Amino acid sequence: MTFVLVRLALDQMTAGQILEIRLRGTEPRRNIPLTAQEQGHEMLGLIDCANGESIILLRRG
């Protein structure tokens, strides 16, 4: 479900815009970057926070 929301956000953006995603859990942390890259987007960064959250930065392709 998490990637569905990410995909909807990416679809509303123009090429080159950057999306910041905050999430919890290992599965979305692993799957979102892989799926986004398969769809032509670029992962700019992955930050693990002390509170258990992860922040992923994606550039729309």
N, C-alpha and C. Protein backbone atom coordinates (compact mmCIF):
# COMPACT_ATOMS: atom_id res chain seq x y z
N MET A 1 0.82 -1.20 0.00
CA MET A 1 0.00 0.00 0.00
C MET A 1 0.87 1.26 0.00
N THR A 2 2.00 1.20 0.66
CA THR A 2 2.86 2.37 0.75
C THR A 2 3.31 2.82 -0.64
N PHE A 3 3.71 1.86 -1.49
CA PHE A 3 4.18 2.28 -2.81
C PHE A 3 3.06 2.85 -3.66
N VAL A 4 1.84 2.42 -3.45
CA VAL A 4 0.71 3.00 -4.19
C VAL A 4 0.63 4.49 -3.91
N LEU A 5 0.78 4.88 -2.65
CA LEU A 5 0.75 6.30 -2.29
C LEU A 5 1.94 7.05 -2.88
N VAL A 6 3.10 6.41 -2.88
CA VAL A 6 4.30 7.01 -3.47
C VAL A 6 4.10 7.19 -4.97
N ARG A 7 3.56 6.18 -5.60
CA ARG A 7 3.33 6.24 -7.05
C ARG A 7 2.35 7.35 -7.41
N LEU A 8 1.29 7.50 -6.62
CA LEU A 8 0.34 8.58 -6.88
C LEU A 8 1.01 9.94 -6.74
N ALA A 9 1.87 10.09 -5.75
CA ALA A 9 2.59 11.36 -5.58
C ALA A 9 3.53 11.61 -6.75
N LEU A 10 4.27 10.59 -7.17
CA LEU A 10 5.20 10.74 -8.29
C LEU A 10 4.46 11.08 -9.58
N ASP A 11 3.29 10.49 -9.78
CA ASP A 11 2.51 10.75 -10.99
C ASP A 11 2.06 12.20 -11.09
N GLN A 12 1.94 12.88 -9.96
CA GLN A 12 1.49 14.28 -9.96
C GLN A 12 2.65 15.26 -10.10
N MET A 13 3.87 14.75 -10.08
CA MET A 13 5.05 15.60 -10.15
C MET A 13 5.55 15.70 -11.59
N THR A 14 6.37 16.71 -11.84
CA THR A 14 7.01 16.83 -13.14
C THR A 14 8.42 16.25 -13.06
N ALA A 15 8.98 15.90 -14.19
CA ALA A 15 10.32 15.31 -14.24
C ALA A 15 11.33 16.22 -13.55
N GLY A 16 12.16 15.61 -12.71
CA GLY A 16 13.20 16.34 -12.00
C GLY A 16 12.82 16.77 -10.59
N GLN A 17 11.53 16.78 -10.28
CA GLN A 17 11.13 17.15 -8.93
C GLN A 17 11.53 16.05 -7.95
N ILE A 18 11.72 16.45 -6.68
CA ILE A 18 12.18 15.53 -5.66
C ILE A 18 11.07 15.27 -4.64
N LEU A 19 10.88 14.00 -4.32
CA LEU A 19 9.89 13.57 -3.34
C LEU A 19 10.61 13.05 -2.11
N GLU A 20 10.23 13.55 -0.93
CA GLU A 20 10.76 13.06 0.33
C GLU A 20 9.71 12.14 0.95
N ILE A 21 10.12 10.92 1.27
CA ILE A 21 9.20 9.92 1.83
C ILE A 21 9.71 9.55 3.20
N ARG A 22 8.84 9.64 4.20
CA ARG A 22 9.17 9.20 5.56
C ARG A 22 8.37 7.94 5.84
N LEU A 23 9.05 6.92 6.32
CA LEU A 23 8.35 5.65 6.54
C LEU A 23 8.99 4.86 7.66
N ARG A 24 8.28 3.84 8.08
CA ARG A 24 8.75 2.90 9.10
C ARG A 24 8.67 1.50 8.53
N GLY A 25 9.56 0.64 8.97
CA GLY A 25 9.52 -0.75 8.56
C GLY A 25 10.57 -1.08 7.52
N THR A 26 11.03 -2.31 7.57
CA THR A 26 12.09 -2.73 6.66
C THR A 26 11.59 -3.04 5.26
N GLU A 27 10.37 -3.56 5.15
CA GLU A 27 9.87 -3.93 3.82
C GLU A 27 9.71 -2.72 2.90
N PRO A 28 9.01 -1.66 3.31
CA PRO A 28 8.92 -0.50 2.41
C PRO A 28 10.27 0.17 2.18
N ARG A 29 11.14 0.14 3.20
CA ARG A 29 12.48 0.72 3.07
C ARG A 29 13.26 0.02 1.97
N ARG A 30 13.05 -1.28 1.84
CA ARG A 30 13.75 -2.08 0.82
C ARG A 30 13.04 -1.98 -0.53
N ASN A 31 11.72 -2.05 -0.54
CA ASN A 31 10.96 -2.18 -1.79
C ASN A 31 10.74 -0.87 -2.54
N ILE A 32 10.53 0.23 -1.84
CA ILE A 32 10.22 1.49 -2.52
C ILE A 32 11.37 1.93 -3.44
N PRO A 33 12.62 1.96 -2.97
CA PRO A 33 13.69 2.36 -3.90
C PRO A 33 13.82 1.44 -5.11
N LEU A 34 13.69 0.13 -4.90
CA LEU A 34 13.82 -0.81 -6.01
C LEU A 34 12.73 -0.60 -7.05
N THR A 35 11.50 -0.50 -6.59
CA THR A 35 10.37 -0.34 -7.51
C THR A 35 10.43 1.01 -8.22
N ALA A 36 10.80 2.05 -7.49
CA ALA A 36 10.90 3.38 -8.11
C ALA A 36 11.97 3.40 -9.19
N GLN A 37 13.11 2.77 -8.93
CA GLN A 37 14.17 2.73 -9.93
C GLN A 37 13.75 1.91 -11.15
N GLU A 38 13.02 0.84 -10.93
CA GLU A 38 12.51 0.04 -12.05
C GLU A 38 11.59 0.86 -12.94
N GLN A 39 10.92 1.84 -12.36
CA GLN A 39 9.98 2.68 -13.12
C GLN A 39 10.63 3.94 -13.67
N GLY A 40 11.96 4.05 -13.56
CA GLY A 40 12.67 5.15 -14.18
C GLY A 40 12.95 6.34 -13.30
N HIS A 41 12.72 6.21 -11.99
CA HIS A 41 13.01 7.30 -11.07
C HIS A 41 14.38 7.06 -10.43
N GLU A 42 14.95 8.11 -9.86
CA GLU A 42 16.30 8.02 -9.30
C GLU A 42 16.24 8.17 -7.78
N MET A 43 16.88 7.25 -7.07
CA MET A 43 16.97 7.38 -5.62
C MET A 43 18.17 8.26 -5.30
N LEU A 44 17.92 9.34 -4.59
CA LEU A 44 18.98 10.29 -4.26
C LEU A 44 19.60 10.01 -2.90
N GLY A 45 18.82 9.43 -2.00
CA GLY A 45 19.36 9.18 -0.67
C GLY A 45 18.43 8.37 0.19
N LEU A 46 19.04 7.77 1.21
CA LEU A 46 18.31 6.99 2.21
C LEU A 46 18.93 7.32 3.55
N ILE A 47 18.12 7.85 4.45
CA ILE A 47 18.60 8.25 5.77
C ILE A 47 17.84 7.45 6.82
N ASP A 48 18.57 6.81 7.71
CA ASP A 48 17.96 6.11 8.84
C ASP A 48 18.02 7.02 10.06
N CYS A 49 16.87 7.32 10.62
CA CYS A 49 16.78 8.22 11.77
C CYS A 49 16.81 7.43 13.07
N ALA A 50 17.16 8.10 14.15
CA ALA A 50 17.26 7.46 15.46
C ALA A 50 15.90 6.98 15.99
N ASN A 51 14.81 7.59 15.53
CA ASN A 51 13.48 7.23 16.02
C ASN A 51 12.88 6.03 15.28
N GLY A 52 13.66 5.39 14.42
CA GLY A 52 13.18 4.21 13.69
C GLY A 52 12.61 4.52 12.32
N GLU A 53 12.45 5.79 12.00
CA GLU A 53 11.98 6.18 10.67
C GLU A 53 13.11 6.11 9.66
N SER A 54 12.74 5.99 8.41
CA SER A 54 13.69 6.13 7.30
C SER A 54 13.16 7.23 6.40
N ILE A 55 14.07 7.97 5.80
CA ILE A 55 13.71 9.02 4.85
C ILE A 55 14.34 8.64 3.51
N ILE A 56 13.52 8.58 2.48
CA ILE A 56 13.98 8.27 1.13
C ILE A 56 13.73 9.48 0.26
N LEU A 57 14.73 9.86 -0.51
CA LEU A 57 14.60 10.96 -1.47
C LEU A 57 14.61 10.39 -2.87
N LEU A 58 13.56 10.66 -3.62
CA LEU A 58 13.44 10.19 -4.99
C LEU A 58 13.30 11.37 -5.94
N ARG A 59 13.99 11.29 -7.08
CA ARG A 59 13.81 12.29 -8.15
C ARG A 59 12.98 11.65 -9.24
N ARG A 60 11.90 12.34 -9.61
CA ARG A 60 11.03 11.79 -10.65
C ARG A 60 11.75 11.78 -11.98
N GLY A 61 11.66 10.65 -12.66
CA GLY A 61 12.30 10.49 -13.96
C GLY A 61 11.45 11.00 -15.08
